[in-house]
PDB file of all heavy atoms in Angstrom:
ATOM      1  N   PRO A   1      -9.220  -0.300 -18.340  1.00  0.00           N
ATOM      2  CA  PRO A   1     -10.267  -0.002 -17.353  1.00  0.00           C
ATOM      3  C   PRO A   1     -10.262  -1.035 -16.225  1.00  0.00           C
ATOM      4  O   PRO A   1      -9.967  -2.205 -16.450  1.00  0.00           O
ATOM      5  CB  PRO A   1     -11.555  -0.059 -18.168  1.00  0.00           C
ATOM      6  CG  PRO A   1     -11.238  -0.799 -19.401  1.00  0.00           C
ATOM      7  CD  PRO A   1      -9.776  -0.631 -19.647  1.00  0.00           C
ATOM      8  N   GLY A   2     -10.556  -0.567 -15.024  1.00  0.00           N
ATOM      9  CA  GLY A   2     -10.614  -1.451 -13.863  1.00  0.00           C
ATOM     10  C   GLY A   2      -9.291  -1.691 -13.184  1.00  0.00           C
ATOM     11  O   GLY A   2      -9.241  -2.334 -12.133  1.00  0.00           O
ATOM     12  N   LEU A   3      -8.222  -1.175 -13.742  1.00  0.00           N
ATOM     13  CA  LEU A   3      -6.894  -1.422 -13.168  1.00  0.00           C
ATOM     14  C   LEU A   3      -6.646  -0.599 -11.904  1.00  0.00           C
ATOM     15  O   LEU A   3      -5.758  -0.928 -11.128  1.00  0.00           O
ATOM     16  CB  LEU A   3      -5.812  -1.136 -14.214  1.00  0.00           C
ATOM     17  CG  LEU A   3      -4.422  -1.680 -13.893  1.00  0.00           C
ATOM     18  CD1 LEU A   3      -4.425  -3.196 -13.906  1.00  0.00           C
ATOM     19  CD2 LEU A   3      -3.406  -1.154 -14.884  1.00  0.00           C
ATOM     20  N   GLY A   4      -7.428   0.439 -11.681  1.00  0.00           N
ATOM     21  CA  GLY A   4      -7.217   1.289 -10.506  1.00  0.00           C
ATOM     22  C   GLY A   4      -7.264   0.512  -9.204  1.00  0.00           C
ATOM     23  O   GLY A   4      -6.459   0.742  -8.296  1.00  0.00           O
ATOM     24  N   SER A   5      -8.183  -0.430  -9.084  1.00  0.00           N
ATOM     25  CA  SER A   5      -8.306  -1.238  -7.873  1.00  0.00           C
ATOM     26  C   SER A   5      -7.052  -2.078  -7.635  1.00  0.00           C
ATOM     27  O   SER A   5      -6.583  -2.215  -6.508  1.00  0.00           O
ATOM     28  CB  SER A   5      -9.516  -2.165  -7.966  1.00  0.00           C
ATOM     29  OG  SER A   5     -10.688  -1.418  -8.127  1.00  0.00           O
ATOM     30  N   LEU A   6      -6.519  -2.636  -8.717  1.00  0.00           N
ATOM     31  CA  LEU A   6      -5.306  -3.442  -8.615  1.00  0.00           C
ATOM     32  C   LEU A   6      -4.108  -2.577  -8.226  1.00  0.00           C
ATOM     33  O   LEU A   6      -3.273  -2.982  -7.405  1.00  0.00           O
ATOM     34  CB  LEU A   6      -5.058  -4.141  -9.956  1.00  0.00           C
ATOM     35  CG  LEU A   6      -4.174  -5.368  -9.981  1.00  0.00           C
ATOM     36  CD1 LEU A   6      -4.638  -6.420  -9.001  1.00  0.00           C
ATOM     37  CD2 LEU A   6      -4.149  -5.953 -11.386  1.00  0.00           C
ATOM     38  N   LEU A   7      -4.031  -1.378  -8.794  1.00  0.00           N
ATOM     39  CA  LEU A   7      -2.960  -0.439  -8.424  1.00  0.00           C
ATOM     40  C   LEU A   7      -3.050  -0.071  -6.947  1.00  0.00           C
ATOM     41  O   LEU A   7      -2.043  -0.068  -6.236  1.00  0.00           O
ATOM     42  CB  LEU A   7      -3.045   0.832  -9.274  1.00  0.00           C
ATOM     43  CG  LEU A   7      -2.588   0.729 -10.714  1.00  0.00           C
ATOM     44  CD1 LEU A   7      -3.119   1.903 -11.523  1.00  0.00           C
ATOM     45  CD2 LEU A   7      -1.067   0.669 -10.785  1.00  0.00           C
ATOM     46  N   LEU A   8      -4.249   0.250  -6.489  1.00  0.00           N
ATOM     47  CA  LEU A   8      -4.420   0.619  -5.090  1.00  0.00           C
ATOM     48  C   LEU A   8      -4.080  -0.544  -4.170  1.00  0.00           C
ATOM     49  O   LEU A   8      -3.401  -0.355  -3.151  1.00  0.00           O
ATOM     50  CB  LEU A   8      -5.843   1.113  -4.830  1.00  0.00           C
ATOM     51  CG  LEU A   8      -6.126   1.573  -3.401  1.00  0.00           C
ATOM     52  CD1 LEU A   8      -5.196   2.713  -2.978  1.00  0.00           C
ATOM     53  CD2 LEU A   8      -7.586   1.985  -3.255  1.00  0.00           C
ATOM     54  N   ALA A   9      -4.496  -1.746  -4.516  1.00  0.00           N
ATOM     55  CA  ALA A   9      -4.180  -2.919  -3.694  1.00  0.00           C
ATOM     56  C   ALA A   9      -2.672  -3.116  -3.581  1.00  0.00           C
ATOM     57  O   ALA A   9      -2.141  -3.407  -2.500  1.00  0.00           O
ATOM     58  CB  ALA A   9      -4.840  -4.168  -4.283  1.00  0.00           C
ATOM     59  N   ASP A  10      -1.964  -2.940  -4.691  1.00  0.00           N
ATOM     60  CA  ASP A  10      -0.511  -3.081  -4.667  1.00  0.00           C
ATOM     61  C   ASP A  10       0.126  -1.983  -3.817  1.00  0.00           C
ATOM     62  O   ASP A  10       1.031  -2.247  -3.025  1.00  0.00           O
ATOM     63  CB  ASP A  10       0.050  -3.052  -6.094  1.00  0.00           C
ATOM     64  CG  ASP A  10       1.492  -3.508  -6.139  1.00  0.00           C
ATOM     65  OD1 ASP A  10       1.710  -4.741  -6.167  1.00  0.00           O
ATOM     66  OD2 ASP A  10       2.393  -2.647  -6.111  1.00  0.00           O
ATOM     67  N   ALA A  11      -0.370  -0.756  -3.960  1.00  0.00           N
ATOM     68  CA  ALA A  11       0.162   0.360  -3.172  1.00  0.00           C
ATOM     69  C   ALA A  11      -0.068   0.121  -1.681  1.00  0.00           C
ATOM     70  O   ALA A  11       0.842   0.335  -0.863  1.00  0.00           O
ATOM     71  CB  ALA A  11      -0.483   1.677  -3.611  1.00  0.00           C
ATOM     72  N   LEU A  12      -1.260  -0.329  -1.312  1.00  0.00           N
ATOM     73  CA  LEU A  12      -1.545  -0.596   0.101  1.00  0.00           C
ATOM     74  C   LEU A  12      -0.639  -1.701   0.644  1.00  0.00           C
ATOM     75  O   LEU A  12      -0.131  -1.601   1.763  1.00  0.00           O
ATOM     76  CB  LEU A  12      -3.020  -0.971   0.285  1.00  0.00           C
ATOM     77  CG  LEU A  12      -4.038   0.135   0.039  1.00  0.00           C
ATOM     78  CD1 LEU A  12      -5.454  -0.410   0.136  1.00  0.00           C
ATOM     79  CD2 LEU A  12      -3.839   1.299   0.984  1.00  0.00           C
ATOM     80  N   ALA A  13      -0.422  -2.742  -0.149  1.00  0.00           N
ATOM     81  CA  ALA A  13       0.461  -3.830   0.283  1.00  0.00           C
ATOM     82  C   ALA A  13       1.882  -3.320   0.497  1.00  0.00           C
ATOM     83  O   ALA A  13       2.552  -3.696   1.476  1.00  0.00           O
ATOM     84  CB  ALA A  13       0.447  -4.965  -0.751  1.00  0.00           C
ATOM     85  N   ARG A  14       2.365  -2.449  -0.375  1.00  0.00           N
ATOM     86  CA  ARG A  14       3.707  -1.880  -0.200  1.00  0.00           C
ATOM     87  C   ARG A  14       3.777  -1.008   1.047  1.00  0.00           C
ATOM     88  O   ARG A  14       4.783  -0.998   1.760  1.00  0.00           O
ATOM     89  CB  ARG A  14       4.107  -1.049  -1.417  1.00  0.00           C
ATOM     90  CG  ARG A  14       4.677  -1.861  -2.525  1.00  0.00           C
ATOM     91  CD  ARG A  14       5.181  -0.981  -3.662  1.00  0.00           C
ATOM     92  NE  ARG A  14       5.080  -1.702  -4.901  1.00  0.00           N
ATOM     93  CZ  ARG A  14       5.980  -2.586  -5.331  1.00  0.00           C
ATOM     94  NH1 ARG A  14       7.057  -2.820  -4.625  1.00  0.00           N
ATOM     95  NH2 ARG A  14       5.790  -3.214  -6.465  1.00  0.00           N
ATOM     96  N   CYS A  15       2.712  -0.251   1.293  1.00  0.00           N
ATOM     97  CA  CYS A  15       2.675   0.608   2.481  1.00  0.00           C
ATOM     98  C   CYS A  15       2.731  -0.239   3.755  1.00  0.00           C
ATOM     99  O   CYS A  15       3.477   0.081   4.684  1.00  0.00           O
ATOM    100  CB  CYS A  15       1.417   1.477   2.487  1.00  0.00           C
ATOM    101  SG  CYS A  15       1.387   2.755   1.220  1.00  0.00           S
ATOM    102  N   VAL A  16       1.944  -1.301   3.791  1.00  0.00           N
ATOM    103  CA  VAL A  16       1.945  -2.177   4.961  1.00  0.00           C
ATOM    104  C   VAL A  16       3.330  -2.798   5.154  1.00  0.00           C
ATOM    105  O   VAL A  16       3.855  -2.828   6.267  1.00  0.00           O
ATOM    106  CB  VAL A  16       0.849  -3.269   4.829  1.00  0.00           C
ATOM    107  CG1 VAL A  16       1.027  -4.364   5.865  1.00  0.00           C
ATOM    108  CG2 VAL A  16      -0.537  -2.635   4.933  1.00  0.00           C
ATOM    109  N   ALA A  17       3.931  -3.274   4.076  1.00  0.00           N
ATOM    110  CA  ALA A  17       5.275  -3.869   4.171  1.00  0.00           C
ATOM    111  C   ALA A  17       6.296  -2.843   4.658  1.00  0.00           C
ATOM    112  O   ALA A  17       7.120  -3.134   5.526  1.00  0.00           O
ATOM    113  CB  ALA A  17       5.687  -4.443   2.818  1.00  0.00           C
ATOM    114  N   ALA A  18       6.241  -1.634   4.123  1.00  0.00           N
ATOM    115  CA  ALA A  18       7.192  -0.587   4.524  1.00  0.00           C
ATOM    116  C   ALA A  18       7.010  -0.198   5.989  1.00  0.00           C
ATOM    117  O   ALA A  18       7.982   0.123   6.674  1.00  0.00           O
ATOM    118  CB  ALA A  18       7.031   0.645   3.634  1.00  0.00           C
ATOM    119  N   SER A  19       5.777  -0.249   6.478  1.00  0.00           N
ATOM    120  CA  SER A  19       5.521   0.168   7.855  1.00  0.00           C
ATOM    121  C   SER A  19       6.119  -0.784   8.878  1.00  0.00           C
ATOM    122  O   SER A  19       6.220  -0.444  10.051  1.00  0.00           O
ATOM    123  CB  SER A  19       4.017   0.335   8.097  1.00  0.00           C
ATOM    124  OG  SER A  19       3.371  -0.919   8.196  1.00  0.00           O
ATOM    125  N   THR A  20       6.543  -1.963   8.448  1.00  0.00           N
ATOM    126  CA  THR A  20       7.224  -2.871   9.373  1.00  0.00           C
ATOM    127  C   THR A  20       8.695  -2.486   9.535  1.00  0.00           C
ATOM    128  O   THR A  20       9.341  -2.912  10.482  1.00  0.00           O
ATOM    129  CB  THR A  20       7.127  -4.345   8.910  1.00  0.00           C
ATOM    130  OG1 THR A  20       7.852  -4.504   7.690  1.00  0.00           O
ATOM    131  CG2 THR A  20       5.676  -4.771   8.741  1.00  0.00           C
ATOM    132  N   GLN A  21       9.203  -1.680   8.612  1.00  0.00           N
ATOM    133  CA  GLN A  21      10.600  -1.234   8.659  1.00  0.00           C
ATOM    134  C   GLN A  21      10.722   0.213   9.124  1.00  0.00           C
ATOM    135  O   GLN A  21      11.686   0.573   9.792  1.00  0.00           O
ATOM    136  CB  GLN A  21      11.238  -1.370   7.271  1.00  0.00           C
ATOM    137  CG  GLN A  21      11.241  -2.776   6.725  1.00  0.00           C
ATOM    138  CD  GLN A  21      12.166  -3.691   7.500  1.00  0.00           C
ATOM    139  OE1 GLN A  21      13.303  -3.335   7.761  1.00  0.00           O
ATOM    140  NE2 GLN A  21      11.678  -4.845   7.891  1.00  0.00           N
ATOM    141  N   ILE A  22       9.786   1.050   8.707  1.00  0.00           N
ATOM    142  CA  ILE A  22       9.765   2.465   9.080  1.00  0.00           C
ATOM    143  C   ILE A  22       8.354   2.777   9.549  1.00  0.00           C
ATOM    144  O   ILE A  22       7.394   2.580   8.796  1.00  0.00           O
ATOM    145  CB  ILE A  22      10.145   3.363   7.887  1.00  0.00           C
ATOM    146  CG1 ILE A  22      11.550   3.021   7.399  1.00  0.00           C
ATOM    147  CG2 ILE A  22      10.042   4.836   8.264  1.00  0.00           C
ATOM    148  CD1 ILE A  22      11.941   3.714   6.112  1.00  0.00           C
ATOM    149  N   ALA A  23       8.233   3.255  10.758  1.00  0.00           N
ATOM    150  CA  ALA A  23       6.909   3.463  11.354  1.00  0.00           C
ATOM    151  C   ALA A  23       6.044   4.394  10.509  1.00  0.00           C
ATOM    152  O   ALA A  23       6.498   5.435  10.048  1.00  0.00           O
ATOM    153  CB  ALA A  23       7.057   4.031  12.759  1.00  0.00           C
ATOM    154  N   ALA A  24       4.805   3.984  10.327  1.00  0.00           N
ATOM    155  CA  ALA A  24       3.801   4.798   9.644  1.00  0.00           C
ATOM    156  C   ALA A  24       2.441   4.378  10.197  1.00  0.00           C
ATOM    157  O   ALA A  24       2.089   3.205  10.137  1.00  0.00           O
ATOM    158  CB  ALA A  24       3.859   4.605   8.136  1.00  0.00           C
ATOM    159  N   THR A  25       1.709   5.321  10.700  1.00  0.00           N
ATOM    160  CA  THR A  25       0.407   5.051  11.302  1.00  0.00           C
ATOM    161  C   THR A  25      -0.715   5.139  10.286  1.00  0.00           C
ATOM    162  O   THR A  25      -1.731   4.475  10.417  1.00  0.00           O
ATOM    163  CB  THR A  25       0.143   6.071  12.434  1.00  0.00           C
ATOM    164  OG1 THR A  25       1.221   5.986  13.360  1.00  0.00           O
ATOM    165  CG2 THR A  25      -1.153   5.806  13.151  1.00  0.00           C
ATOM    166  N   LEU A  26      -0.523   5.970   9.259  1.00  0.00           N
ATOM    167  CA  LEU A  26      -1.576   6.269   8.296  1.00  0.00           C
ATOM    168  C   LEU A  26      -1.100   6.074   6.863  1.00  0.00           C
ATOM    169  O   LEU A  26       0.086   6.188   6.572  1.00  0.00           O
ATOM    170  CB  LEU A  26      -2.005   7.739   8.416  1.00  0.00           C
ATOM    171  CG  LEU A  26      -2.446   8.258   9.770  1.00  0.00           C
ATOM    172  CD1 LEU A  26      -2.607   9.765   9.713  1.00  0.00           C
ATOM    173  CD2 LEU A  26      -3.741   7.593  10.184  1.00  0.00           C
ATOM    174  N   ILE A  27      -2.065   5.853   5.977  1.00  0.00           N
ATOM    175  CA  ILE A  27      -1.848   5.947   4.545  1.00  0.00           C
ATOM    176  C   ILE A  27      -2.717   7.115   4.096  1.00  0.00           C
ATOM    177  O   ILE A  27      -3.906   7.174   4.423  1.00  0.00           O
ATOM    178  CB  ILE A  27      -2.242   4.657   3.809  1.00  0.00           C
ATOM    179  CG1 ILE A  27      -1.399   3.486   4.323  1.00  0.00           C
ATOM    180  CG2 ILE A  27      -2.074   4.834   2.297  1.00  0.00           C
ATOM    181  CD1 ILE A  27      -1.865   2.133   3.842  1.00  0.00           C
TER     182      ILE A  27
END
């Protein structure tokens, strides 16, 4: 329980990192 927030934080961090290599305006 409670791991969902940690999963989402990791996913958002990966999205931000990827957007520096391949353009993405939205998640």
